[in-house]
């Protein structure tokens, strides 16, 4: 990063030293021009460094916000999956309850006085009773399926939305990471051409900063 490249350089101190050198009346014209140019370069570097650091800080905060939002949607996704499992278990339990009721009814009809009631019924009445039981069973199953299907459909939509949002957030996070990487690569070079960089290193040596 740029701050690592200039970690041993205090631009403000360099500016002060340039001001002191500029006040020296014994300097030749080319030396005065060099000092002015060096001051301009340092000013630009200081301004650019500040802008880069602000941009990097903003991107870092954006990444943190995106990560937090992703975690929130991941938790919501987990809750929805748990609820879906619960609904499936409830549906299975409803089927088992219906089977238990059917078995209870069958056993009751095989015992006294249920058996006598069953025996007193003619074939048509038995068929009507069985049809009524089957109708109730189907009605319970249908209502249970409709309710659970509606709930499952709603929860699946929410789950898909959460998954889609998580994918979008992951893409944004990757984009932020690439932008940060580009900034770091720019930091490493400071955006200076070779001649300016050599001049900057010369200033460091002149001010005793080459150790």
Foldseek 3Di string as FASTA:
>chain_A
DQCVVCVLPDLVVLLVVLVVVLPDPPDDPVVNVLSVVVNVVSVVLVVVVVVLVVVLVVLVVVLVVLVVVLVVLVVVLVVLVVVLVVLVVVLVVLVVVLVVVVVVLVVQCVDPPNVVVVVPDDPVVVVVVVVVSVVVSVVSNVVSCVVSVVVNVVSVVSNVVSVVSSVVSVVVSVVSVVVSVVSVVCSVVSPDDPVVVVSVVVSCVVVVNPD
